[in-house]
Each structure stands twice: as C-alpha cells, then as structure tokens.
Amino acid sequence: MKNKNLAENVRNLRKSMGYSQEDLSENSGLSLRTIQRIEKGENEPTGETLKRISYALNVKPEELIDWAVIEDNSYLKALNLSSLTFIVFPLLGFLVPLIMWISKKDKLKNVNRIAKNVINFQITWTIILFSGYIMSVLILIIRTESTGIISAKNFILSYSLNLIFFLIMYILNIILILVSTSRISKNKEVIYFPKISFIS
C-alpha cells in the first residue's frame, strides 16, 4: 500500500462527504494530528486506525485503500434534472433524486453535496407549497364562517390566489433546477433557496 495513494483517497473521500479534518477526527475517535499525518502521507495507519477511518467515512477498509474519486458531471446533471418530476407530483421532486443519490452515494465527486442541496430544497419547497394551499383553504373557511355562506367572490378570490401562488412556486422551482444544471456543467456551486437542512 502506498502512503500517497491512501492519503489522497482519505482526503478526497473526506471532502466528498463534506467533512473537515476535525469532523473526521471526531467521528473516528482519532487525534486531529493523526488524520493530518495520514492525509499528508507521513505515516501508514495501523489496521485499527484504518478501520476507524473507514467506519467514519462509511466504507470498508479495502474500499478506502482502492477508492478513487470519479467525476461524472452527466450523472450529477441527471440527478439535478430528476427533481423536475415534481411537475408530475410534488413528492417525486425529492424522492427521485434521493433514490439516485443513494445508488451513487460517496462514489462520485460532489454527488453528496449536490444531492443534499437538491433534496433539502425540494423538501422545503414541498412544505411551502402545501402550507400555502392549506392557508388559502383556511382563509376561505374563516371568511365563509363570518358570513355564513360561501360567496362566489370569496371562492374566486381564494382560487385565484392559489393559482398565482402555485404558478410562482412552480416557475421558481423550474428556474432554479435549470440554472443549477447549467452551473454543474461549469463546475460551479448549485443555487437553491429557500432551503432547510433536513439532510446535513
């Protein structure tokens, strides 16, 4: 086993998972200095140290030794574009990318970071979409209870507000997906907002 190859593998895999050296140190129970020495190729880890690092990085020790970063922008773009399935049904917007992420998790460069951004945004978007719909229904119910009848004016107002809200939300989602896909092609960071970090 060559120190240089192992050092690169540990460093690349750690970065692809979004871990700092401090994170890896904490998750593996090894000292920060040990992690730094391994990543610099200054020493070869013992079997126990290798097991701890591989466990922290969620790979087998032999995978860690042989692991290499694979770049596949076409897959990353496909993963990102798969969230367009929200057009068919909102929940598909994060379920399809989630399935694609799980199948390639930790195997492609940047797949974890991009997948988390896409999934977190799509979950946030879905929550906002359904919350907006529920809110408009509640407003219609409250207005109806105050008058005792469902007036055509109240119904049309509620329907119109819902339609405008849905159009804005759908257009925003499509634009962000297309912009982010373009940015992936240029090796730039994807842009998704608003976004709650459900998966970190």
N, C-alpha and C. Protein backbone atom coordinates (compact mmCIF):
# COMPACT_ATOMS: atom_id res chain seq x y z
N MET A 1 0.85 -1.19 0.00
CA MET A 1 0.00 0.00 0.00
C MET A 1 0.88 1.24 0.00
N LYS A 2 0.62 2.16 -0.87
CA LYS A 2 1.42 3.36 -0.93
C LYS A 2 0.77 4.45 -0.10
N ASN A 3 1.59 5.11 0.73
CA ASN A 3 1.07 6.18 1.58
C ASN A 3 0.39 7.28 0.77
N LYS A 4 1.00 7.60 -0.37
CA LYS A 4 0.48 8.71 -1.18
C LYS A 4 -0.93 8.42 -1.67
N ASN A 5 -1.16 7.20 -2.16
CA ASN A 5 -2.48 6.82 -2.66
C ASN A 5 -3.52 6.83 -1.54
N LEU A 6 -3.15 6.25 -0.41
CA LEU A 6 -4.08 6.22 0.72
C LEU A 6 -4.38 7.63 1.19
N ALA A 7 -3.34 8.47 1.26
CA ALA A 7 -3.51 9.85 1.71
C ALA A 7 -4.50 10.58 0.81
N GLU A 8 -4.35 10.41 -0.50
CA GLU A 8 -5.26 11.06 -1.44
C GLU A 8 -6.67 10.52 -1.31
N ASN A 9 -6.78 9.20 -1.13
CA ASN A 9 -8.09 8.58 -1.00
C ASN A 9 -8.83 9.08 0.23
N VAL A 10 -8.14 9.14 1.35
CA VAL A 10 -8.76 9.62 2.60
C VAL A 10 -9.18 11.07 2.44
N ARG A 11 -8.28 11.88 1.91
CA ARG A 11 -8.57 13.31 1.75
C ARG A 11 -9.73 13.54 0.78
N ASN A 12 -9.72 12.87 -0.36
CA ASN A 12 -10.77 13.06 -1.37
C ASN A 12 -12.12 12.56 -0.88
N LEU A 13 -12.13 11.41 -0.22
CA LEU A 13 -13.39 10.86 0.28
C LEU A 13 -13.94 11.74 1.40
N ARG A 14 -13.06 12.21 2.27
CA ARG A 14 -13.49 13.10 3.37
C ARG A 14 -14.14 14.35 2.80
N LYS A 15 -13.50 14.95 1.79
CA LYS A 15 -14.03 16.18 1.19
C LYS A 15 -15.35 15.93 0.47
N SER A 16 -15.46 14.78 -0.22
CA SER A 16 -16.69 14.47 -0.95
C SER A 16 -17.87 14.31 -0.01
N MET A 17 -17.58 13.92 1.24
CA MET A 17 -18.64 13.77 2.24
C MET A 17 -18.91 15.07 2.99
N GLY A 18 -18.13 16.10 2.67
CA GLY A 18 -18.32 17.40 3.31
C GLY A 18 -17.74 17.47 4.70
N TYR A 19 -16.81 16.57 5.03
CA TYR A 19 -16.19 16.57 6.36
C TYR A 19 -14.93 17.43 6.38
N SER A 20 -14.70 18.09 7.48
CA SER A 20 -13.42 18.74 7.70
C SER A 20 -12.52 17.70 8.38
N GLN A 21 -11.24 18.02 8.51
CA GLN A 21 -10.34 17.10 9.22
C GLN A 21 -10.79 16.94 10.67
N GLU A 22 -11.32 18.03 11.24
CA GLU A 22 -11.82 17.98 12.62
C GLU A 22 -13.01 17.03 12.74
N ASP A 23 -13.90 17.07 11.73
CA ASP A 23 -15.07 16.17 11.72
C ASP A 23 -14.62 14.72 11.67
N LEU A 24 -13.67 14.43 10.78
CA LEU A 24 -13.17 13.06 10.65
C LEU A 24 -12.49 12.61 11.93
N SER A 25 -11.75 13.51 12.54
CA SER A 25 -11.09 13.20 13.81
C SER A 25 -12.12 12.83 14.88
N GLU A 26 -13.17 13.63 14.96
CA GLU A 26 -14.23 13.40 15.97
C GLU A 26 -14.98 12.11 15.69
N ASN A 27 -15.34 11.88 14.41
CA ASN A 27 -16.13 10.69 14.06
C ASN A 27 -15.34 9.39 14.17
N SER A 28 -14.03 9.47 13.97
CA SER A 28 -13.21 8.26 14.02
C SER A 28 -12.62 8.01 15.41
N GLY A 29 -12.61 9.04 16.26
CA GLY A 29 -12.01 8.89 17.59
C GLY A 29 -10.49 8.96 17.54
N LEU A 30 -9.97 9.44 16.42
CA LEU A 30 -8.52 9.60 16.29
C LEU A 30 -8.15 11.06 16.49
N SER A 31 -6.90 11.31 16.81
CA SER A 31 -6.48 12.69 17.02
C SER A 31 -6.41 13.42 15.68
N LEU A 32 -6.58 14.72 15.75
CA LEU A 32 -6.50 15.55 14.56
C LEU A 32 -5.12 15.41 13.92
N ARG A 33 -4.10 15.34 14.74
CA ARG A 33 -2.72 15.20 14.24
C ARG A 33 -2.55 13.91 13.44
N THR A 34 -3.19 12.82 13.90
CA THR A 34 -3.12 11.54 13.19
C THR A 34 -3.75 11.66 11.81
N ILE A 35 -4.91 12.30 11.76
CA ILE A 35 -5.61 12.50 10.48
C ILE A 35 -4.73 13.33 9.54
N GLN A 36 -4.15 14.39 10.06
CA GLN A 36 -3.30 15.26 9.25
C GLN A 36 -2.10 14.50 8.70
N ARG A 37 -1.47 13.67 9.53
CA ARG A 37 -0.30 12.90 9.09
C ARG A 37 -0.67 11.88 8.01
N ILE A 38 -1.82 11.24 8.17
CA ILE A 38 -2.26 10.25 7.17
C ILE A 38 -2.53 10.95 5.84
N GLU A 39 -3.22 12.11 5.89
CA GLU A 39 -3.55 12.82 4.66
C GLU A 39 -2.32 13.42 3.98
N LYS A 40 -1.26 13.63 4.74
CA LYS A 40 -0.01 14.13 4.15
C LYS A 40 0.88 12.98 3.69
N GLY A 41 0.47 11.74 3.99
CA GLY A 41 1.27 10.57 3.62
C GLY A 41 2.49 10.40 4.48
N GLU A 42 2.48 10.99 5.68
CA GLU A 42 3.65 10.95 6.56
C GLU A 42 3.75 9.62 7.30
N ASN A 43 2.61 8.94 7.50
CA ASN A 43 2.68 7.63 8.13
C ASN A 43 1.56 6.73 7.62
N GLU A 44 1.81 5.43 7.70
CA GLU A 44 0.84 4.45 7.25
C GLU A 44 0.03 4.01 8.47
N PRO A 45 -1.30 4.08 8.39
CA PRO A 45 -2.10 3.74 9.56
C PRO A 45 -2.07 2.25 9.88
N THR A 46 -2.21 1.94 11.16
CA THR A 46 -2.31 0.55 11.58
C THR A 46 -3.68 0.02 11.15
N GLY A 47 -3.88 -1.28 11.30
CA GLY A 47 -5.15 -1.89 10.93
C GLY A 47 -6.32 -1.28 11.68
N GLU A 48 -6.12 -1.04 12.98
CA GLU A 48 -7.19 -0.46 13.81
C GLU A 48 -7.50 0.97 13.36
N THR A 49 -6.45 1.74 13.09
CA THR A 49 -6.64 3.13 12.64
C THR A 49 -7.38 3.16 11.31
N LEU A 50 -7.00 2.26 10.40
CA LEU A 50 -7.65 2.17 9.10
C LEU A 50 -9.13 1.81 9.26
N LYS A 51 -9.42 0.90 10.18
CA LYS A 51 -10.81 0.51 10.44
C LYS A 51 -11.62 1.70 10.96
N ARG A 52 -11.03 2.46 11.87
CA ARG A 52 -11.73 3.63 12.43
C ARG A 52 -12.03 4.67 11.37
N ILE A 53 -11.04 4.94 10.51
CA ILE A 53 -11.23 5.93 9.45
C ILE A 53 -12.29 5.45 8.45
N SER A 54 -12.19 4.18 8.04
CA SER A 54 -13.15 3.65 7.06
C SER A 54 -14.56 3.64 7.64
N TYR A 55 -14.69 3.33 8.94
CA TYR A 55 -16.01 3.34 9.59
C TYR A 55 -16.58 4.77 9.60
N ALA A 56 -15.72 5.73 9.93
CA ALA A 56 -16.15 7.14 9.97
C ALA A 56 -16.55 7.65 8.59
N LEU A 57 -15.91 7.11 7.55
CA LEU A 57 -16.21 7.53 6.17
C LEU A 57 -17.23 6.61 5.50
N ASN A 58 -17.75 5.63 6.28
CA ASN A 58 -18.82 4.75 5.82
C ASN A 58 -18.41 3.90 4.61
N VAL A 59 -17.16 3.41 4.64
CA VAL A 59 -16.69 2.50 3.59
C VAL A 59 -15.93 1.35 4.27
N LYS A 60 -15.69 0.28 3.51
CA LYS A 60 -14.89 -0.83 4.03
C LYS A 60 -13.42 -0.45 3.92
N PRO A 61 -12.57 -1.00 4.80
CA PRO A 61 -11.13 -0.67 4.74
C PRO A 61 -10.52 -0.90 3.36
N GLU A 62 -10.92 -2.02 2.71
CA GLU A 62 -10.36 -2.30 1.38
C GLU A 62 -10.85 -1.30 0.34
N GLU A 63 -12.09 -0.80 0.53
CA GLU A 63 -12.59 0.22 -0.38
C GLU A 63 -11.82 1.52 -0.20
N LEU A 64 -11.46 1.80 1.03
CA LEU A 64 -10.71 3.03 1.32
C LEU A 64 -9.34 2.98 0.65
N ILE A 65 -8.74 1.82 0.64
CA ILE A 65 -7.42 1.68 0.03
C ILE A 65 -7.52 1.83 -1.49
N ASP A 66 -8.57 1.25 -2.07
CA ASP A 66 -8.71 1.26 -3.53
C ASP A 66 -9.57 2.40 -4.04
N TRP A 67 -10.21 3.12 -3.12
CA TRP A 67 -11.19 4.14 -3.51
C TRP A 67 -10.56 5.26 -4.32
N ALA A 68 -11.23 5.70 -5.32
CA ALA A 68 -10.76 6.83 -6.12
C ALA A 68 -11.93 7.73 -6.46
N VAL A 69 -11.68 8.99 -6.58
CA VAL A 69 -12.72 9.94 -6.93
C VAL A 69 -13.07 9.77 -8.40
N ILE A 70 -14.33 9.61 -8.68
CA ILE A 70 -14.79 9.51 -10.06
C ILE A 70 -15.60 10.76 -10.36
N GLU A 71 -15.26 11.42 -11.43
CA GLU A 71 -16.02 12.60 -11.83
C GLU A 71 -17.01 12.19 -12.91
N ASP A 72 -18.26 12.56 -12.71
CA ASP A 72 -19.29 12.25 -13.70
C ASP A 72 -20.33 13.36 -13.66
N ASN A 73 -20.03 14.43 -14.37
CA ASN A 73 -20.93 15.58 -14.40
C ASN A 73 -22.27 15.25 -15.04
N SER A 74 -22.27 14.30 -15.98
CA SER A 74 -23.53 13.94 -16.63
C SER A 74 -24.49 13.31 -15.63
N TYR A 75 -23.95 12.51 -14.70
CA TYR A 75 -24.82 11.91 -13.67
C TYR A 75 -25.31 12.98 -12.71
N LEU A 76 -24.43 13.90 -12.36
CA LEU A 76 -24.82 14.98 -11.45
C LEU A 76 -25.91 15.85 -12.07
N LYS A 77 -25.78 16.11 -13.36
CA LYS A 77 -26.82 16.89 -14.05
C LYS A 77 -28.13 16.11 -14.10
N ALA A 78 -28.04 14.80 -14.36
CA ALA A 78 -29.24 13.96 -14.41
C ALA A 78 -29.92 13.91 -13.04
N LEU A 79 -29.11 13.81 -11.99
CA LEU A 79 -29.66 13.82 -10.62
C LEU A 79 -30.40 15.12 -10.37
N ASN A 80 -29.76 16.22 -10.75
CA ASN A 80 -30.37 17.54 -10.55
C ASN A 80 -31.66 17.68 -11.36
N LEU A 81 -31.62 17.28 -12.64
CA LEU A 81 -32.81 17.38 -13.50
C LEU A 81 -33.92 16.42 -13.08
N SER A 82 -33.57 15.35 -12.38
CA SER A 82 -34.59 14.39 -11.94
C SER A 82 -35.60 15.03 -11.00
N SER A 83 -35.20 16.13 -10.36
CA SER A 83 -36.14 16.81 -9.46
C SER A 83 -37.28 17.50 -10.22
N LEU A 84 -37.16 17.58 -11.56
CA LEU A 84 -38.26 18.11 -12.37
C LEU A 84 -39.50 17.22 -12.30
N THR A 85 -39.35 16.03 -11.76
CA THR A 85 -40.50 15.14 -11.59
C THR A 85 -41.53 15.73 -10.64
N PHE A 86 -41.16 16.81 -9.93
CA PHE A 86 -42.12 17.49 -9.06
C PHE A 86 -43.32 18.00 -9.87
N ILE A 87 -43.11 18.20 -11.19
CA ILE A 87 -44.19 18.70 -12.05
C ILE A 87 -45.32 17.67 -12.10
N VAL A 88 -44.96 16.38 -12.10
CA VAL A 88 -45.96 15.31 -12.11
C VAL A 88 -46.63 15.21 -10.74
N PHE A 89 -45.80 15.18 -9.68
CA PHE A 89 -46.31 15.14 -8.31
C PHE A 89 -45.22 15.69 -7.40
N PRO A 90 -45.55 16.68 -6.55
CA PRO A 90 -44.52 17.36 -5.75
C PRO A 90 -43.57 16.46 -4.97
N LEU A 91 -44.06 15.36 -4.40
CA LEU A 91 -43.19 14.50 -3.58
C LEU A 91 -42.10 13.81 -4.42
N LEU A 92 -42.37 13.61 -5.70
CA LEU A 92 -41.37 12.99 -6.58
C LEU A 92 -40.14 13.87 -6.73
N GLY A 93 -40.31 15.18 -6.52
CA GLY A 93 -39.22 16.14 -6.66
C GLY A 93 -38.05 15.86 -5.76
N PHE A 94 -38.30 15.22 -4.60
CA PHE A 94 -37.16 14.84 -3.75
C PHE A 94 -36.98 13.33 -3.64
N LEU A 95 -38.02 12.55 -3.95
CA LEU A 95 -37.88 11.09 -3.86
C LEU A 95 -36.99 10.53 -4.98
N VAL A 96 -37.16 11.03 -6.20
CA VAL A 96 -36.34 10.53 -7.32
C VAL A 96 -34.86 10.90 -7.13
N PRO A 97 -34.53 12.18 -6.81
CA PRO A 97 -33.11 12.48 -6.53
C PRO A 97 -32.55 11.68 -5.35
N LEU A 98 -33.39 11.42 -4.35
CA LEU A 98 -32.95 10.65 -3.19
C LEU A 98 -32.53 9.24 -3.60
N ILE A 99 -33.34 8.61 -4.45
CA ILE A 99 -33.02 7.26 -4.94
C ILE A 99 -31.73 7.28 -5.76
N MET A 100 -31.59 8.29 -6.62
CA MET A 100 -30.37 8.40 -7.43
C MET A 100 -29.15 8.65 -6.57
N TRP A 101 -29.31 9.45 -5.51
CA TRP A 101 -28.19 9.74 -4.60
C TRP A 101 -27.76 8.48 -3.87
N ILE A 102 -28.73 7.73 -3.35
CA ILE A 102 -28.41 6.51 -2.58
C ILE A 102 -27.63 5.53 -3.45
N SER A 103 -27.98 5.44 -4.73
CA SER A 103 -27.31 4.48 -5.61
C SER A 103 -25.85 4.85 -5.89
N LYS A 104 -25.50 6.14 -5.75
CA LYS A 104 -24.13 6.58 -6.05
C LYS A 104 -23.47 7.28 -4.86
N LYS A 105 -24.08 7.19 -3.71
CA LYS A 105 -23.57 7.91 -2.53
C LYS A 105 -22.11 7.59 -2.28
N ASP A 106 -21.30 8.62 -2.13
CA ASP A 106 -19.86 8.53 -1.84
C ASP A 106 -19.03 7.92 -2.97
N LYS A 107 -19.65 7.66 -4.12
CA LYS A 107 -18.91 7.05 -5.21
C LYS A 107 -18.51 8.05 -6.29
N LEU A 108 -19.19 9.18 -6.32
CA LEU A 108 -18.89 10.21 -7.31
C LEU A 108 -18.47 11.50 -6.63
N LYS A 109 -17.59 12.21 -7.26
CA LYS A 109 -17.15 13.51 -6.74
C LYS A 109 -18.34 14.48 -6.74
N ASN A 110 -18.55 15.13 -5.62
CA ASN A 110 -19.59 16.16 -5.43
C ASN A 110 -21.02 15.63 -5.37
N VAL A 111 -21.23 14.32 -5.50
CA VAL A 111 -22.60 13.79 -5.52
C VAL A 111 -23.32 14.04 -4.20
N ASN A 112 -22.60 13.91 -3.07
CA ASN A 112 -23.24 14.11 -1.77
C ASN A 112 -23.68 15.56 -1.60
N ARG A 113 -22.80 16.48 -1.93
CA ARG A 113 -23.10 17.90 -1.74
C ARG A 113 -24.28 18.34 -2.62
N ILE A 114 -24.24 17.95 -3.89
CA ILE A 114 -25.31 18.37 -4.81
C ILE A 114 -26.63 17.71 -4.45
N ALA A 115 -26.60 16.41 -4.15
CA ALA A 115 -27.83 15.70 -3.79
C ALA A 115 -28.48 16.31 -2.55
N LYS A 116 -27.68 16.61 -1.54
CA LYS A 116 -28.22 17.21 -0.32
C LYS A 116 -28.87 18.56 -0.61
N ASN A 117 -28.22 19.37 -1.44
CA ASN A 117 -28.79 20.67 -1.82
C ASN A 117 -30.13 20.50 -2.52
N VAL A 118 -30.17 19.59 -3.50
CA VAL A 118 -31.39 19.36 -4.27
C VAL A 118 -32.51 18.84 -3.36
N ILE A 119 -32.21 17.82 -2.57
CA ILE A 119 -33.24 17.18 -1.73
C ILE A 119 -33.74 18.15 -0.66
N ASN A 120 -32.82 18.85 0.00
CA ASN A 120 -33.24 19.82 1.03
C ASN A 120 -34.13 20.91 0.45
N PHE A 121 -33.78 21.40 -0.74
CA PHE A 121 -34.61 22.43 -1.37
C PHE A 121 -35.98 21.88 -1.74
N GLN A 122 -36.01 20.69 -2.34
CA GLN A 122 -37.29 20.13 -2.80
C GLN A 122 -38.22 19.82 -1.62
N ILE A 123 -37.66 19.36 -0.50
CA ILE A 123 -38.49 19.12 0.69
C ILE A 123 -39.04 20.45 1.21
N THR A 124 -38.17 21.46 1.28
CA THR A 124 -38.60 22.80 1.73
C THR A 124 -39.68 23.34 0.81
N TRP A 125 -39.46 23.22 -0.50
CA TRP A 125 -40.40 23.73 -1.50
C TRP A 125 -41.77 23.05 -1.34
N THR A 126 -41.75 21.72 -1.14
CA THR A 126 -43.00 20.95 -1.00
C THR A 126 -43.76 21.39 0.25
N ILE A 127 -43.04 21.61 1.34
CA ILE A 127 -43.68 22.05 2.59
C ILE A 127 -44.32 23.42 2.38
N ILE A 128 -43.60 24.34 1.74
CA ILE A 128 -44.14 25.69 1.49
C ILE A 128 -45.37 25.60 0.58
N LEU A 129 -45.29 24.75 -0.45
CA LEU A 129 -46.41 24.60 -1.39
C LEU A 129 -47.68 24.13 -0.68
N PHE A 130 -47.56 23.06 0.10
CA PHE A 130 -48.73 22.53 0.79
C PHE A 130 -49.21 23.48 1.90
N SER A 131 -48.28 24.15 2.56
CA SER A 131 -48.64 25.12 3.60
C SER A 131 -49.44 26.28 3.00
N GLY A 132 -49.00 26.75 1.83
CA GLY A 132 -49.72 27.84 1.14
C GLY A 132 -51.12 27.43 0.76
N TYR A 133 -51.25 26.19 0.28
CA TYR A 133 -52.58 25.69 -0.11
C TYR A 133 -53.49 25.59 1.11
N ILE A 134 -52.98 25.01 2.19
CA ILE A 134 -53.77 24.86 3.43
C ILE A 134 -54.17 26.22 3.97
N MET A 135 -53.25 27.18 3.92
CA MET A 135 -53.54 28.53 4.42
C MET A 135 -54.68 29.18 3.63
N SER A 136 -54.65 29.01 2.30
CA SER A 136 -55.70 29.62 1.48
C SER A 136 -57.06 28.98 1.76
N VAL A 137 -57.06 27.67 2.01
CA VAL A 137 -58.32 26.98 2.35
C VAL A 137 -58.84 27.47 3.70
N LEU A 138 -57.93 27.63 4.66
CA LEU A 138 -58.33 28.14 5.98
C LEU A 138 -58.90 29.56 5.89
N ILE A 139 -58.29 30.39 5.07
CA ILE A 139 -58.79 31.77 4.89
C ILE A 139 -60.19 31.73 4.31
N LEU A 140 -60.42 30.84 3.34
CA LEU A 140 -61.75 30.71 2.74
C LEU A 140 -62.77 30.25 3.78
N ILE A 141 -62.38 29.29 4.62
CA ILE A 141 -63.28 28.78 5.66
C ILE A 141 -63.61 29.88 6.67
N ILE A 142 -62.60 30.64 7.08
CA ILE A 142 -62.81 31.72 8.06
C ILE A 142 -63.73 32.78 7.48
N ARG A 143 -63.50 33.15 6.24
CA ARG A 143 -64.35 34.17 5.60
C ARG A 143 -65.78 33.66 5.43
N THR A 144 -65.91 32.36 5.15
CA THR A 144 -67.23 31.76 4.98
C THR A 144 -67.99 31.73 6.31
N GLU A 145 -67.28 31.38 7.39
CA GLU A 145 -67.92 31.32 8.72
C GLU A 145 -68.38 32.69 9.18
N SER A 146 -67.65 33.73 8.79
CA SER A 146 -68.04 35.08 9.21
C SER A 146 -69.32 35.54 8.51
N THR A 147 -69.52 35.06 7.27
CA THR A 147 -70.73 35.46 6.53
C THR A 147 -71.81 34.40 6.57
N GLY A 148 -71.42 33.15 6.82
CA GLY A 148 -72.39 32.06 6.88
C GLY A 148 -72.64 31.39 5.54
N ILE A 149 -72.09 31.94 4.47
CA ILE A 149 -72.26 31.34 3.14
C ILE A 149 -70.95 31.41 2.35
N ILE A 150 -70.84 30.49 1.40
CA ILE A 150 -69.67 30.53 0.52
C ILE A 150 -70.05 31.41 -0.67
N SER A 151 -69.55 32.60 -0.68
CA SER A 151 -69.88 33.51 -1.78
C SER A 151 -68.98 33.21 -2.96
N ALA A 152 -69.51 33.48 -4.15
CA ALA A 152 -68.74 33.26 -5.38
C ALA A 152 -67.49 34.13 -5.37
N LYS A 153 -67.63 35.33 -4.79
CA LYS A 153 -66.50 36.26 -4.74
C LYS A 153 -65.36 35.68 -3.90
N ASN A 154 -65.70 35.15 -2.70
CA ASN A 154 -64.68 34.55 -1.82
C ASN A 154 -64.03 33.34 -2.48
N PHE A 155 -64.84 32.52 -3.14
CA PHE A 155 -64.33 31.31 -3.77
C PHE A 155 -63.38 31.66 -4.92
N ILE A 156 -63.79 32.61 -5.76
CA ILE A 156 -62.95 33.03 -6.90
C ILE A 156 -61.66 33.67 -6.41
N LEU A 157 -61.75 34.47 -5.34
CA LEU A 157 -60.56 35.11 -4.77
C LEU A 157 -59.58 34.06 -4.26
N SER A 158 -60.10 33.08 -3.52
CA SER A 158 -59.26 32.02 -2.97
C SER A 158 -58.63 31.19 -4.10
N TYR A 159 -59.43 30.87 -5.11
CA TYR A 159 -58.94 30.09 -6.25
C TYR A 159 -57.85 30.85 -7.01
N SER A 160 -58.08 32.14 -7.22
CA SER A 160 -57.12 32.97 -7.96
C SER A 160 -55.80 33.09 -7.21
N LEU A 161 -55.88 33.32 -5.89
CA LEU A 161 -54.66 33.42 -5.07
C LEU A 161 -53.89 32.11 -5.10
N ASN A 162 -54.62 31.00 -5.01
CA ASN A 162 -53.99 29.68 -5.07
C ASN A 162 -53.28 29.48 -6.40
N LEU A 163 -53.95 29.83 -7.48
CA LEU A 163 -53.39 29.65 -8.81
C LEU A 163 -52.12 30.47 -9.01
N ILE A 164 -52.15 31.73 -8.57
CA ILE A 164 -50.98 32.60 -8.67
C ILE A 164 -49.83 32.06 -7.83
N PHE A 165 -50.15 31.64 -6.61
CA PHE A 165 -49.13 31.09 -5.70
C PHE A 165 -48.48 29.85 -6.31
N PHE A 166 -49.31 28.94 -6.83
CA PHE A 166 -48.78 27.71 -7.42
C PHE A 166 -47.91 28.02 -8.64
N LEU A 167 -48.34 28.93 -9.48
CA LEU A 167 -47.56 29.30 -10.66
C LEU A 167 -46.19 29.86 -10.27
N ILE A 168 -46.18 30.76 -9.30
CA ILE A 168 -44.91 31.35 -8.84
C ILE A 168 -43.98 30.26 -8.29
N MET A 169 -44.55 29.37 -7.47
CA MET A 169 -43.74 28.31 -6.87
C MET A 169 -43.18 27.36 -7.93
N TYR A 170 -44.00 26.99 -8.89
CA TYR A 170 -43.55 26.06 -9.93
C TYR A 170 -42.50 26.71 -10.83
N ILE A 171 -42.73 27.95 -11.21
CA ILE A 171 -41.76 28.65 -12.07
C ILE A 171 -40.43 28.81 -11.34
N LEU A 172 -40.47 29.19 -10.05
CA LEU A 172 -39.24 29.32 -9.25
C LEU A 172 -38.47 28.01 -9.23
N ASN A 173 -39.16 26.91 -8.98
CA ASN A 173 -38.52 25.60 -8.90
C ASN A 173 -37.86 25.23 -10.23
N ILE A 174 -38.59 25.40 -11.32
CA ILE A 174 -38.05 25.05 -12.64
C ILE A 174 -36.82 25.90 -12.97
N ILE A 175 -36.89 27.20 -12.69
CA ILE A 175 -35.77 28.09 -12.97
C ILE A 175 -34.53 27.68 -12.18
N LEU A 176 -34.70 27.41 -10.89
CA LEU A 176 -33.56 27.03 -10.04
C LEU A 176 -32.95 25.70 -10.49
N ILE A 177 -33.78 24.76 -10.91
CA ILE A 177 -33.26 23.48 -11.40
C ILE A 177 -32.43 23.69 -12.66
N LEU A 178 -32.96 24.47 -13.60
CA LEU A 178 -32.25 24.70 -14.87
C LEU A 178 -30.96 25.50 -14.66
N VAL A 179 -31.02 26.52 -13.80
CA VAL A 179 -29.82 27.32 -13.50
C VAL A 179 -28.76 26.44 -12.84
N SER A 180 -29.17 25.62 -11.89
CA SER A 180 -28.22 24.76 -11.18
C SER A 180 -27.62 23.71 -12.10
N THR A 181 -28.42 23.18 -13.03
CA THR A 181 -27.89 22.22 -14.00
C THR A 181 -26.82 22.87 -14.87
N SER A 182 -27.07 24.10 -15.28
CA SER A 182 -26.07 24.85 -16.06
C SER A 182 -24.81 25.07 -15.24
N ARG A 183 -24.97 25.37 -13.97
CA ARG A 183 -23.81 25.61 -13.10
C ARG A 183 -23.00 24.33 -12.88
N ILE A 184 -23.68 23.19 -12.82
CA ILE A 184 -22.97 21.91 -12.68
C ILE A 184 -22.08 21.68 -13.90
N SER A 185 -22.60 22.02 -15.08
CA SER A 185 -21.82 21.87 -16.33
C SER A 185 -20.54 22.69 -16.28
N LYS A 186 -20.59 23.82 -15.56
CA LYS A 186 -19.43 24.71 -15.47
C LYS A 186 -18.63 24.48 -14.19
N ASN A 187 -18.93 23.38 -13.48
CA ASN A 187 -18.25 23.04 -12.22
C ASN A 187 -18.40 24.13 -11.17
N LYS A 188 -19.59 24.74 -11.12
CA LYS A 188 -19.88 25.76 -10.11
C LYS A 188 -20.88 25.22 -9.11
N GLU A 189 -21.00 25.91 -7.99
CA GLU A 189 -21.93 25.51 -6.93
C GLU A 189 -23.37 25.69 -7.38
N VAL A 190 -24.24 24.71 -7.01
CA VAL A 190 -25.66 24.84 -7.35
C VAL A 190 -26.30 25.92 -6.48
N ILE A 191 -27.39 26.50 -6.98
CA ILE A 191 -28.08 27.57 -6.26
C ILE A 191 -29.51 27.12 -5.95
N TYR A 192 -29.80 26.91 -4.68
CA TYR A 192 -31.15 26.55 -4.26
C TYR A 192 -31.53 27.34 -3.01
N PHE A 193 -32.65 28.04 -3.09
CA PHE A 193 -33.16 28.78 -1.95
C PHE A 193 -34.66 28.98 -2.13
N PRO A 194 -35.47 29.03 -1.08
CA PRO A 194 -35.08 28.79 0.31
C PRO A 194 -34.80 27.31 0.54
N LYS A 195 -34.06 26.99 1.59
CA LYS A 195 -33.66 25.62 1.81
C LYS A 195 -33.42 25.39 3.30
N ILE A 196 -34.13 24.41 3.85
CA ILE A 196 -33.90 23.98 5.24
C ILE A 196 -33.05 22.72 5.20
N SER A 197 -32.05 22.63 6.04
CA SER A 197 -31.13 21.48 6.02
C SER A 197 -31.73 20.28 6.75
N PHE A 198 -32.61 19.55 6.07
CA PHE A 198 -33.17 18.32 6.64
C PHE A 198 -32.12 17.23 6.61
N ILE A 199 -31.30 17.21 5.55
CA ILE A 199 -30.19 16.26 5.43
C ILE A 199 -28.90 17.06 5.47
N SER A 200 -28.06 16.78 6.46
CA SER A 200 -26.81 17.54 6.57
C SER A 200 -25.59 16.64 6.38
